[in-house]
Amino acid sequence: MNTMRKLILSTVVVLSGLTFMSAQSDSKMVQLGIKGGINSSTISGDNIGDADSRTSFNAGLVAEIPLSERISFQPEVLYSGQGFDIQEIDQDNVFDTDDNIEYQLDYIQVPLLLKVYLVKGLSVEAGPQFGFKINEEVDYQPTNNAGDINIDDSSVKNMDTSVALGAAYKFDGGFFVSGRYNLGVTNIFEDGTIFENVDAKNDVWQFGIGFMF
């Protein structure tokens, strides 16, 4: 139920913004679309150890609202599978274990981007992104002579903020390809847990395709 509420809230916020912007623009020029692709995510920060990337996917809705001939506003609502891997490390880290760990973090992400066309079809984009956590799971595979971690102590904040930077190319007919880097700007971990002294931020590369109707 909480997951559904977050999804509905995120969708309402973006659609409300879209409605307002459409009222200020020529509604015939507003484009709606779908997109999806691959995520390569990890976290960056101190006292983490060797965090490898987790491969997952993203999918969702996108709108493009022209503000001028070359500049558009682009809000999106995306499911984004994120997280990180730790594989048989042999040095101190926040988890205090030498085991294989996949930390799965799933978000509804709401990027609010300013899009600038450099030439016909080719654009760059940047803007804030607000994430709403919908799932947190630790996939824990102990090795021989391994220690233990208390999964119940794991705690990630329900909201995350990042900056999205990317580029896209839109073909005649509506198909487009895109690449984006999402740089986290807020600590993902809650205080009062085993992560209290850890400052970790999401670090995500996204690549995908889509279609504008």
Protein backbone atom coordinates (compact mmCIF):
# COMPACT_ATOMS: atom_id res chain seq x y z
CA MET A 1 0.00 0.00 0.00
CA ASN A 2 2.80 2.44 0.85
CA THR A 3 4.47 1.69 -2.48
CA MET A 4 1.27 2.41 -4.37
CA ARG A 5 0.73 5.65 -2.47
CA LYS A 6 4.25 6.84 -3.36
CA LEU A 7 3.71 5.94 -7.01
CA ILE A 8 0.38 7.77 -7.13
CA LEU A 9 1.84 10.82 -5.37
CA SER A 10 4.79 10.99 -7.76
CA THR A 11 2.53 10.68 -10.79
CA VAL A 12 0.11 13.33 -9.53
CA VAL A 13 2.94 15.80 -8.88
CA VAL A 14 4.40 15.43 -12.38
CA LEU A 15 1.04 15.43 -14.15
CA SER A 16 0.02 18.55 -12.23
CA GLY A 17 3.19 20.28 -13.39
CA LEU A 18 2.59 19.05 -16.92
CA THR A 19 -0.95 20.44 -16.91
CA PHE A 20 0.25 23.83 -15.72
CA MET A 21 3.05 24.01 -18.28
CA SER A 22 0.70 22.92 -21.05
CA ALA A 23 -1.63 25.76 -20.18
CA GLN A 24 1.26 28.19 -20.69
CA SER A 25 2.33 26.67 -24.01
CA ASP A 26 0.86 25.51 -27.27
CA SER A 27 -0.74 22.21 -26.24
CA LYS A 28 -0.41 20.89 -29.81
CA MET A 29 3.38 20.94 -29.42
CA VAL A 30 3.49 19.01 -26.16
CA GLN A 31 4.72 15.44 -26.68
CA LEU A 32 4.17 12.44 -24.42
CA GLY A 33 6.21 9.27 -24.59
CA ILE A 34 7.54 6.11 -23.03
CA LYS A 35 11.12 5.08 -22.35
CA GLY A 36 13.14 2.25 -20.86
CA GLY A 37 16.67 0.98 -20.59
CA ILE A 38 19.55 -0.27 -18.47
CA ASN A 39 20.89 1.04 -15.16
CA SER A 40 24.43 0.61 -13.86
CA SER A 41 24.37 1.85 -10.27
CA THR A 42 26.59 1.99 -7.22
CA ILE A 43 27.21 4.33 -4.29
CA SER A 44 30.07 6.71 -3.59
CA GLY A 45 31.33 7.96 -0.25
CA ASP A 46 33.56 7.22 2.74
CA ASN A 47 33.83 4.01 4.81
CA ILE A 48 32.04 1.93 2.22
CA GLY A 49 34.77 -0.39 0.96
CA ASP A 50 34.83 -1.68 -2.60
CA ALA A 51 31.29 -1.17 -3.89
CA ASP A 52 30.73 -2.63 -7.35
CA SER A 53 27.90 -1.71 -9.68
CA ARG A 54 24.50 -3.38 -9.74
CA THR A 55 22.86 -3.84 -13.16
CA SER A 56 19.11 -3.31 -13.36
CA PHE A 57 16.63 -1.40 -15.53
CA ASN A 58 14.52 1.74 -15.75
CA ALA A 59 11.15 2.33 -17.39
CA GLY A 60 8.51 5.02 -17.36
CA LEU A 61 6.78 8.03 -18.88
CA VAL A 62 8.24 11.20 -20.34
CA ALA A 63 6.84 14.50 -21.58
CA GLU A 64 8.44 17.28 -23.60
CA ILE A 65 7.03 20.82 -23.38
CA PRO A 66 8.66 23.35 -25.75
CA LEU A 67 9.57 26.67 -24.17
CA SER A 68 11.27 28.08 -27.27
CA GLU A 69 12.61 26.83 -30.58
CA ARG A 70 15.58 25.08 -28.96
CA ILE A 71 14.64 24.75 -25.28
CA SER A 72 12.12 22.39 -23.69
CA PHE A 73 10.98 21.35 -20.21
CA GLN A 74 11.08 17.56 -19.78
CA PRO A 75 9.41 15.98 -16.71
CA GLU A 76 9.52 12.20 -16.28
CA VAL A 77 8.21 9.49 -13.95
CA LEU A 78 10.44 6.41 -13.90
CA TYR A 79 10.87 3.15 -12.08
CA SER A 80 14.63 2.88 -11.42
CA GLY A 81 16.36 -0.24 -10.10
CA GLN A 82 19.47 0.87 -8.20
CA GLY A 83 21.83 -0.30 -5.46
CA PHE A 84 25.31 -1.79 -5.34
CA ASP A 85 27.31 -5.02 -4.94
CA ILE A 86 30.08 -5.98 -2.53
CA GLN A 87 31.92 -9.15 -3.57
CA GLU A 88 34.26 -11.07 -1.24
CA ILE A 89 36.10 -8.03 -0.01
CA ASP A 90 39.06 -8.44 2.34
CA GLN A 91 39.23 -5.02 3.94
CA ASP A 92 37.26 -3.10 6.55
CA ASN A 93 33.92 -1.74 5.39
CA VAL A 94 30.65 -0.64 6.89
CA PHE A 95 29.16 -4.15 6.63
CA ASP A 96 32.08 -5.80 8.50
CA THR A 97 31.84 -8.99 6.45
CA ASP A 98 33.75 -10.78 3.68
CA ASP A 99 30.58 -12.06 2.01
CA ASN A 100 28.88 -11.42 -1.31
CA ILE A 101 26.23 -8.75 -0.82
CA GLU A 102 23.81 -7.22 -3.32
CA TYR A 103 22.02 -4.23 -1.86
CA GLN A 104 18.89 -3.62 -3.94
CA LEU A 105 17.29 -0.18 -3.89
CA ASP A 106 14.29 0.52 -6.09
CA TYR A 107 12.94 4.04 -6.61
CA ILE A 108 10.26 5.98 -8.38
CA GLN A 109 12.37 8.78 -9.83
CA VAL A 110 10.97 12.15 -10.93
CA PRO A 111 13.50 14.08 -13.08
CA LEU A 112 12.59 17.69 -13.94
CA LEU A 113 14.91 18.56 -16.79
CA LEU A 114 15.76 21.53 -18.96
CA LYS A 115 16.48 20.26 -22.47
CA VAL A 116 18.52 22.24 -25.01
CA TYR A 117 18.78 21.23 -28.69
CA LEU A 118 22.28 21.78 -30.10
CA VAL A 119 21.29 20.77 -33.62
CA LYS A 120 18.23 19.05 -35.06
CA GLY A 121 17.62 15.87 -33.05
CA LEU A 122 20.63 16.19 -30.72
CA SER A 123 20.02 17.62 -27.26
CA VAL A 124 21.61 17.90 -23.84
CA GLU A 125 19.59 17.88 -20.61
CA ALA A 126 20.10 18.70 -16.96
CA GLY A 127 18.05 19.23 -13.84
CA PRO A 128 17.11 18.01 -10.36
CA GLN A 129 15.76 14.52 -9.74
CA PHE A 130 13.66 13.46 -6.76
CA GLY A 131 13.55 9.79 -5.77
CA PHE A 132 10.92 7.96 -3.69
CA LYS A 133 12.13 4.60 -2.35
CA ILE A 134 9.70 1.75 -2.99
CA ASN A 135 11.87 -1.25 -2.12
CA GLU A 136 14.98 -2.01 -0.06
CA GLU A 137 16.42 -5.52 0.01
CA VAL A 138 19.73 -7.15 0.85
CA ASP A 139 20.66 -10.28 -1.12
CA TYR A 140 23.18 -11.90 1.22
CA GLN A 141 25.29 -14.93 0.16
CA PRO A 142 27.68 -16.02 2.96
CA THR A 143 31.07 -17.48 2.08
CA ASN A 144 33.07 -19.97 4.14
CA ASN A 145 34.18 -18.70 7.56
CA ALA A 146 32.05 -15.64 7.03
CA GLY A 147 30.73 -13.35 9.68
CA ASP A 148 27.21 -12.06 9.77
CA ILE A 149 25.28 -8.85 9.26
CA ASN A 150 22.01 -7.82 10.77
CA ILE A 151 19.81 -7.02 7.80
CA ASP A 152 17.21 -5.51 10.12
CA ASP A 153 19.72 -2.74 10.92
CA SER A 154 19.90 -1.70 7.26
CA SER A 155 18.11 1.56 6.68
CA VAL A 156 17.89 3.83 3.64
CA LYS A 157 16.00 7.10 3.59
CA ASN A 158 12.63 7.16 1.86
CA MET A 159 13.60 10.12 -0.33
CA ASP A 160 16.69 10.88 -2.36
CA THR A 161 17.82 13.91 -4.35
CA SER A 162 20.21 13.89 -7.28
CA VAL A 163 21.27 15.90 -10.31
CA ALA A 164 20.63 14.39 -13.74
CA LEU A 165 22.95 15.17 -16.66
CA GLY A 166 22.50 13.62 -20.06
CA ALA A 167 22.17 13.72 -23.82
CA ALA A 168 19.67 12.34 -26.30
CA TYR A 169 19.07 12.01 -30.01
CA LYS A 170 15.51 12.02 -31.39
CA PHE A 171 14.92 10.58 -34.86
CA ASP A 172 12.23 11.68 -37.29
CA GLY A 173 9.18 9.63 -36.41
CA GLY A 174 9.53 9.83 -32.64
CA PHE A 175 12.11 7.22 -31.63
CA PHE A 176 14.97 8.45 -29.44
CA VAL A 177 18.06 7.14 -27.68
CA SER A 178 19.49 8.64 -24.50
CA GLY A 179 22.30 8.40 -21.99
CA ARG A 180 22.29 9.97 -18.53
CA TYR A 181 24.36 10.23 -15.38
CA ASN A 182 22.58 10.73 -12.05
CA LEU A 183 24.80 12.19 -9.33
CA GLY A 184 23.41 11.85 -5.82
CA VAL A 185 23.62 14.96 -3.65
CA THR A 186 22.08 13.68 -0.39
CA ASN A 187 23.16 10.89 1.95
CA ILE A 188 20.97 7.82 1.37
CA PHE A 189 21.44 6.28 4.85
CA GLU A 190 19.40 7.04 7.96
CA ASP A 191 20.99 8.17 11.22
CA GLY A 192 20.77 5.90 14.24
CA THR A 193 21.70 2.70 12.34
CA ILE A 194 24.93 0.86 11.52
CA PHE A 195 25.31 3.42 8.69
CA GLU A 196 25.17 6.43 11.01
CA ASN A 197 28.74 7.55 10.24
CA VAL A 198 28.58 6.74 6.55
CA ASP A 199 28.03 9.44 3.95
CA ALA A 200 26.96 7.56 0.81
CA LYS A 201 25.27 8.88 -2.30
CA ASN A 202 23.65 7.16 -5.26
CA ASP A 203 25.74 7.02 -8.44
CA VAL A 204 23.80 5.86 -11.52
CA TRP A 205 24.38 5.58 -15.26
CA GLN A 206 21.28 5.12 -17.43
CA PHE A 207 21.07 4.16 -21.12
CA GLY A 208 17.88 3.59 -23.03
CA ILE A 209 15.48 4.08 -25.89
CA GLY A 210 12.03 5.56 -26.12
CA PHE A 211 9.25 6.81 -28.33
CA MET A 212 7.44 10.17 -28.38
CA PHE A 213 3.85 10.10 -29.63
